[in-house]
Protein backbone atom coordinates (compact mmCIF):
# COMPACT_ATOMS: atom_id res chain seq x y z
CA MET A 1 65.21 73.28 142.94
CA LEU A 2 65.64 75.77 145.76
CA LEU A 3 67.73 78.83 145.01
CA LYS A 4 70.60 79.96 147.18
CA SER A 5 70.43 83.39 148.74
CA ARG A 6 73.21 84.67 146.52
CA LEU A 7 71.38 83.59 143.40
CA THR A 8 68.17 85.14 144.66
CA ALA A 9 69.92 88.46 145.21
CA LEU A 10 71.42 88.36 141.74
CA LEU A 11 68.06 87.65 140.13
CA ILE A 12 66.30 90.38 142.11
CA ILE A 13 68.93 92.92 141.08
CA ALA A 14 68.76 91.85 137.45
CA LEU A 15 64.98 91.92 137.37
CA LEU A 16 64.85 95.30 139.07
CA VAL A 17 67.19 96.78 136.46
CA ILE A 18 64.84 95.82 133.64
CA THR A 19 61.61 96.31 135.61
CA VAL A 20 62.24 99.98 136.38
CA LEU A 21 63.13 100.91 132.82
CA PRO A 22 59.56 101.38 131.50
CA ALA A 23 58.78 103.67 134.43
CA SER A 24 61.68 105.86 133.35
CA ALA A 25 60.31 105.79 129.84
CA MET A 26 56.95 107.09 131.06
CA LEU A 27 58.68 109.99 132.76
CA TYR A 28 60.50 110.85 129.57
CA GLY A 29 57.30 110.64 127.56
CA GLN A 30 55.52 113.06 129.87
CA ALA A 31 58.23 115.66 129.50
CA SER A 32 58.92 117.67 126.41
CA VAL A 33 60.89 115.24 124.29
CA GLN A 34 64.37 116.46 123.44
CA ALA A 35 67.48 114.87 121.99
CA ALA A 36 69.23 114.02 125.27
CA PRO A 37 66.31 112.09 126.85
CA ALA A 38 65.76 110.16 123.62
CA GLU A 39 69.43 109.24 123.42
CA GLU A 40 69.50 108.12 127.05
CA MET A 41 66.37 106.02 126.59
CA ILE A 42 67.90 104.26 123.60
CA LYS A 43 71.10 103.61 125.57
CA LEU A 44 69.00 101.94 128.29
CA ALA A 45 67.26 99.83 125.67
CA ASP A 46 70.60 98.86 124.11
CA ARG A 47 71.89 97.64 127.48
CA ALA A 48 68.68 95.72 128.18
CA ALA A 49 68.81 94.12 124.72
CA GLN A 50 72.37 92.95 125.31
CA GLN A 51 71.46 91.55 128.72
CA VAL A 52 68.57 89.51 127.34
CA LYS A 53 70.57 88.36 124.30
CA ASN A 54 73.35 87.08 126.54
CA LEU A 55 70.84 85.02 128.52
CA ILE A 56 69.26 83.61 125.36
CA ASP A 57 72.66 82.71 123.92
CA LEU A 58 73.67 80.93 127.12
CA VAL A 59 70.56 78.77 126.97
CA GLN A 60 70.68 78.04 123.25
CA VAL A 61 74.31 76.85 123.21
CA ASN A 62 73.73 74.54 126.17
CA GLU A 63 72.37 71.19 124.91
CA THR A 64 71.70 69.99 128.44
CA ALA A 65 69.59 73.07 129.13
CA LEU A 66 67.67 72.66 125.87
CA GLN A 67 66.91 69.00 126.61
CA ALA A 68 65.72 69.85 130.12
CA ILE A 69 63.44 72.57 128.74
CA GLU A 70 62.06 70.21 126.12
CA SER A 71 61.43 67.50 128.74
CA VAL A 72 59.01 69.79 130.57
CA GLY A 73 57.32 70.85 127.34
CA LEU A 74 58.58 74.44 127.35
CA ASP A 75 60.69 74.36 124.20
CA ALA A 76 57.94 76.11 122.24
CA ALA A 77 57.67 78.72 124.99
CA LEU A 78 61.42 79.32 124.72
CA GLU A 79 61.19 79.76 120.95
CA GLY A 80 58.27 82.11 121.43
CA ASN A 81 60.36 84.25 123.72
CA VAL A 82 63.21 84.26 121.24
CA SER A 83 60.79 85.49 118.57
CA LEU A 84 59.48 88.12 120.97
CA TYR A 85 63.05 89.24 121.68
CA ASN A 86 63.61 89.64 117.93
CA GLU A 87 60.50 91.82 117.80
CA GLY A 88 61.96 93.96 120.58
CA ALA A 89 65.22 94.21 118.64
CA ARG A 90 63.28 95.47 115.60
CA LYS A 91 61.58 98.08 117.78
CA LEU A 92 64.96 99.15 119.07
CA SER A 93 66.30 99.42 115.52
CA ALA A 94 63.31 101.61 114.65
CA ALA A 95 64.16 103.80 117.68
CA HIS A 96 67.69 104.31 116.35
CA ASP A 97 66.29 105.20 112.93
CA ALA A 98 63.85 107.71 114.44
CA LEU A 99 66.67 109.30 116.43
CA ALA A 100 68.71 109.66 113.25
CA MET A 101 65.71 111.37 111.63
CA VAL A 102 65.45 113.77 114.62
CA ASP A 103 62.01 112.36 115.48
CA TYR A 104 62.66 112.25 119.22
CA GLU A 105 59.11 111.45 120.25
CA ALA A 106 58.98 108.39 118.00
CA ALA A 107 62.43 107.35 119.20
CA VAL A 108 61.26 107.36 122.82
CA ASP A 109 58.07 105.46 121.93
CA TYR A 110 59.94 102.72 120.09
CA ALA A 111 62.59 102.45 122.81
CA THR A 112 59.93 102.26 125.50
CA GLU A 113 58.15 99.43 123.69
CA SER A 114 61.40 97.54 123.17
CA LEU A 115 62.19 97.85 126.89
CA ARG A 116 58.78 96.42 127.79
CA ILE A 117 59.42 93.46 125.48
CA PHE A 118 62.91 92.83 126.84
CA ARG A 119 61.58 92.83 130.41
CA GLU A 120 58.87 90.34 129.50
CA VAL A 121 61.31 88.00 127.73
CA PHE A 122 63.84 88.22 130.55
CA GLN A 123 61.28 87.30 133.18
CA SER A 124 59.70 84.54 131.07
CA ILE A 125 63.00 82.79 130.35
CA HIS A 126 63.84 82.72 134.03
CA VAL A 127 60.45 81.12 134.73
CA ILE A 128 61.24 78.49 132.08
CA LEU A 129 64.64 77.80 133.66
CA GLU A 130 63.07 77.40 137.06
CA LYS A 131 60.39 74.98 135.82
CA ALA A 132 63.06 72.96 133.99
CA GLU A 133 64.99 72.79 137.29
CA LEU A 134 68.14 74.09 135.68
CA GLN A 135 71.06 75.52 137.60
CA LYS A 136 69.99 79.10 137.28
CA GLY A 137 72.79 80.26 139.53
CA GLN A 138 75.38 79.17 137.01
CA MET A 139 73.34 80.64 134.17
CA VAL A 140 73.14 84.03 135.88
CA ASP A 141 76.84 84.01 136.80
CA ASN A 142 77.78 83.18 133.21
CA GLN A 143 75.45 85.86 131.94
CA GLY A 144 77.20 88.37 134.20
CA LEU A 145 80.56 87.38 132.73
CA LEU A 146 79.30 87.88 129.19
CA GLU A 147 77.89 91.27 130.13
CA ALA A 148 81.25 92.26 131.65
CA ILE A 149 82.99 91.20 128.44
CA THR A 150 80.50 93.25 126.41
CA ARG A 151 81.22 96.33 128.52
CA GLU A 152 84.97 95.96 128.04
CA ILE A 153 84.55 95.58 124.29
CA GLN A 154 82.51 98.79 124.26
CA ARG A 155 85.29 100.53 126.20
CA ILE A 156 87.83 99.42 123.61
CA ASP A 157 85.67 100.88 120.84
CA CYS A 158 85.41 104.17 122.74
CA LEU A 159 89.15 104.26 123.36
CA ARG A 160 89.87 103.79 119.67
CA GLU A 161 87.64 106.77 118.92
CA VAL A 162 89.41 109.16 121.32
CA LEU A 163 93.00 108.05 120.65
CA LEU A 164 95.01 110.04 118.14
CA GLU A 165 96.39 108.47 115.01
CA ASP A 166 100.00 108.81 116.13
CA VAL A 167 99.65 106.77 119.34
CA PRO A 168 102.59 104.53 120.28
CA GLU A 169 102.57 101.06 118.76
CA GLU A 170 102.49 99.61 122.28
CA ILE A 171 99.11 101.24 122.93
CA GLU A 172 97.66 99.78 119.73
CA GLN A 173 99.02 96.36 120.70
CA TRP A 174 97.37 96.52 124.12
CA LEU A 175 94.03 97.29 122.50
CA ASP A 176 94.41 94.49 119.95
CA ASN A 177 95.44 91.94 122.58
CA ALA A 178 92.60 92.96 124.89
CA LYS A 179 90.09 92.63 122.06
CA SER A 180 91.33 89.12 121.22
CA LEU A 181 91.03 88.07 124.87
CA LEU A 182 87.44 89.29 124.90
CA ASP A 183 86.26 87.19 121.96
CA MET A 184 82.60 86.49 122.73
CA ASP A 185 82.36 83.18 120.85
CA ALA A 186 85.41 81.82 122.65
CA ALA A 187 83.96 82.93 125.99
CA ARG A 188 80.65 81.16 125.34
CA ALA A 189 82.49 77.97 124.34
CA LEU A 190 84.55 78.05 127.53
CA LEU A 191 81.45 78.62 129.66
CA LEU A 192 79.71 75.73 127.93
CA GLU A 193 82.66 73.54 128.93
CA GLY A 194 82.27 74.78 132.51
CA ASN A 195 85.57 76.65 132.36
CA ALA A 196 84.40 79.96 133.85
CA ALA A 197 87.80 80.39 135.53
CA GLU A 198 89.50 80.83 132.14
CA VAL A 199 86.91 83.39 131.07
CA ILE A 200 87.50 85.34 134.28
CA SER A 201 91.26 85.16 133.77
CA ARG A 202 90.96 86.49 130.22
CA LEU A 203 88.65 89.27 131.37
CA GLN A 204 91.06 90.33 134.11
CA SER A 205 94.03 90.29 131.71
CA ALA A 206 92.12 92.45 129.24
CA LYS A 207 91.22 94.92 131.99
CA GLU A 208 94.88 95.21 133.00
CA MET A 209 95.84 96.01 129.40
CA LEU A 210 93.11 98.62 129.14
CA SER A 211 94.28 100.18 132.40
CA GLN A 212 97.61 100.84 130.68
CA VAL A 213 95.79 102.61 127.86
CA TYR A 214 93.84 104.73 130.37
CA ALA A 215 97.11 105.62 132.12
CA TYR A 216 98.54 106.75 128.79
CA LEU A 217 95.48 108.92 128.09
CA LYS A 218 95.64 110.44 131.56
CA ALA A 219 99.31 111.32 131.11
CA LYS A 220 98.63 112.93 127.73
CA ALA A 221 95.72 114.91 129.18
CA LYS A 222 97.95 116.09 132.02
CA GLU A 223 100.60 117.25 129.55
CA SER A 224 98.00 119.12 127.52
CA THR A 225 96.51 120.79 130.59
CA ALA A 226 99.91 121.84 131.92
CA TRP A 227 100.83 123.35 128.55
CA ARG A 228 97.57 125.27 128.25
CA ILE A 229 97.95 126.66 131.77
CA TYR A 230 101.54 127.68 131.00
CA ASN A 231 100.43 129.55 127.87
CA TYR A 232 97.60 131.24 129.76
CA CYS A 233 99.93 132.44 132.52
CA GLN A 234 102.46 133.64 129.96
CA ARG A 235 99.80 135.75 128.28
CA ILE A 236 98.88 137.26 131.64
CA ARG A 237 102.50 138.27 132.24
CA GLU A 238 102.74 139.85 128.80
CA ARG A 239 99.43 141.69 129.03
CA ILE A 240 100.10 143.28 132.41
CA SER A 241 103.67 144.18 131.44
CA GLU A 242 102.34 145.80 128.27
CA GLU A 243 99.83 147.83 130.31
CA PHE A 244 102.59 149.20 132.54
CA ARG A 245 104.84 149.87 129.52
CA ARG A 246 102.16 151.79 127.61
CA GLY A 247 101.31 153.84 130.67
CA ASN A 248 104.93 154.69 131.39
CA GLN A 249 105.53 155.69 127.77
CA THR A 250 102.60 158.11 127.86
CA GLY A 251 103.65 159.56 131.21
CA VAL A 252 100.98 157.95 133.37
CA ASP A 253 101.98 157.63 137.02
CA PHE A 254 100.58 154.38 138.42
CA THR A 255 101.91 154.93 141.95
CA GLY A 256 98.53 155.88 143.37
CA VAL A 257 96.80 152.95 141.68
CA LEU A 258 99.38 150.48 142.95
CA GLU A 259 99.25 151.82 146.50
CA SER A 260 95.45 151.71 146.52
CA LEU A 261 95.69 147.98 145.78
CA GLY A 262 98.36 147.34 148.42
CA TYR A 263 101.58 147.46 146.34
CA GLN A 264 104.44 149.90 146.78
CA ASN A 265 105.52 149.81 143.16
CA GLU A 266 105.28 147.96 139.86
CA ASN A 267 108.03 145.48 140.74
CA GLN A 268 106.27 144.42 143.93
CA PHE A 269 103.07 143.71 142.04
CA MET A 270 104.88 141.71 139.35
CA GLU A 271 106.59 139.64 142.06
CA ALA A 272 103.21 138.96 143.66
CA LEU A 273 101.79 138.05 140.26
CA GLU A 274 104.63 135.64 139.59
CA GLY A 275 104.01 134.03 142.99
CA ARG A 276 100.35 133.43 142.09
CA ILE A 277 101.37 131.98 138.73
CA GLN A 278 103.74 129.55 140.40
CA VAL A 279 100.94 128.42 142.72
CA VAL A 280 98.76 127.66 139.70
CA GLN A 281 101.47 125.77 137.84
CA ASN A 282 102.28 123.68 140.91
CA LYS A 283 98.68 122.44 141.23
CA THR A 284 98.07 120.97 137.76
CA ASP A 285 97.61 117.47 139.22
CA ASP A 286 94.52 118.51 141.19
CA PHE A 287 91.63 119.95 139.18
CA GLN A 288 89.82 121.52 142.13
CA SER A 289 92.97 123.11 143.52
CA VAL A 290 94.10 124.49 140.18
CA ARG A 291 90.60 125.81 139.52
CA ARG A 292 90.62 127.77 142.79
CA ALA A 293 94.15 129.01 142.11
CA LEU A 294 93.14 130.15 138.62
CA GLU A 295 90.14 131.99 140.02
CA GLU A 296 92.35 133.84 142.52
CA LEU A 297 94.88 134.67 139.82
CA GLY A 298 92.14 135.86 137.48
CA GLN A 299 90.63 138.12 140.13
CA MET A 300 94.04 139.61 140.89
CA VAL A 301 94.75 140.30 137.22
CA GLN A 302 91.27 141.64 136.51
CA GLU A 303 91.43 144.06 139.41
CA MET A 304 94.81 145.47 138.37
CA ASP A 305 93.96 145.43 134.66
CA GLN A 306 90.82 147.51 135.18
CA ALA A 307 92.58 149.91 137.55
CA LEU A 308 95.42 150.55 135.09
CA THR A 309 93.01 151.05 132.19
CA GLN A 310 90.88 153.49 134.18
CA GLU A 311 93.93 155.47 135.25
CA MET A 312 95.21 155.75 131.69
CA LYS A 313 91.80 156.90 130.47
CA ARG A 314 91.57 159.42 133.30
CA CYS A 315 94.97 160.86 132.46
CA GLN A 316 94.06 161.00 128.78
CA GLY A 317 90.77 162.74 129.52
CA GLY A 318 88.61 159.64 128.89
CA SER A 319 86.12 157.94 131.11
CA GLY A 320 84.72 154.51 131.86
CA SER A 321 86.39 151.20 132.36
CA GLY A 322 86.21 149.52 128.96
CA GLY A 323 89.14 148.51 126.82
CA VAL A 324 91.44 145.79 127.99
CA GLY A 325 90.17 145.88 131.52
CA SER A 326 86.65 144.92 130.49
CA ASN A 327 87.94 141.85 128.68
CA SER A 328 90.10 140.53 131.46
CA GLY A 329 87.17 139.09 133.33
CA SER A 330 86.09 136.97 130.39
CA SER A 331 89.66 135.85 129.86
CA ASN A 332 89.80 134.66 133.43
CA GLY A 333 86.42 132.98 133.14
CA GLY A 334 87.46 131.22 129.97
CA MET A 335 90.47 129.72 131.66
CA VAL A 336 88.82 128.73 134.91
CA ASP A 337 85.78 127.14 133.25
CA GLY A 338 87.16 123.79 132.24
CA TYR A 339 90.80 124.84 131.68
CA GLY A 340 89.98 127.14 128.79
CA GLN A 341 86.59 125.74 127.74
CA GLY A 342 84.59 128.80 128.73
CA ASN A 343 83.35 131.70 126.64
CA GLY A 344 86.28 134.02 127.20
CA GLY A 345 89.92 133.94 126.16
CA LYS A 346 91.12 130.37 125.75
CA PRO A 347 94.60 129.22 126.76
């Protein structure tokens, strides 16, 4: 039968996703094979395998579809494609094994071959559906629902990996309830009955539960970031105060240094420093803003830190600008680069 424009668009998009994958594989193969490209290639193959498996499952559980395929003499062709899919799955399993053995080149080769097989099976089954005059639109829509369920299940698995052991019971309950709503066998049974609306409802409910889990994680991350920034700023206060204290105890007059940097005295600088710290702590909700504020604070501290160290060394008959001043830059960099994920001092 003739396909509606919406169905045609869906099929074109789906076919393009699988069609372009081998081209990507060729690009990876031409480059020096490293861990990251091999891992990405296998991830692509995993997604393609799941997409094809969902389509096969939808056809195999639908007796009407199987009878229509048999009536046009394509049941053997369908079984042949199922066998070919299984061959692709074995290739994909071999790719995972090669990756585990750190044989990246073999991993890419196996993944590339599995992708080629999955593309061929995907296209062939759609040809079979068309010749059997089945309602491909419904098949594709149902396949999309199953793929969405698969993605949400994968998100639940990832969330369980990143959550701490002492999470609130409510969070665990949300994950458990979402997982039960996303039961794949139940979803296929409902789709077979033509009850796609119930599948959609369950999917939406599961997403809402997972959104609560994400909100919890975001809040915990915000608390952690705010605490790390607080500790970092506290260390800055203590370090600069210690520099002034040591200098004053040894009789070093910092008046000239302070005036050269635009401050009348030590108190005025410490007030300015506290103002910069407050700016940083007030911007913890916005990564880009807090990053800029941390950079400005770090530059201010580094400049004064180096000037104080140089003055103390000059008064003591030393030279150079090492010591504490030379480390302040890395401390600043460590904080600014990913809230303490850099190479310098970590908050």
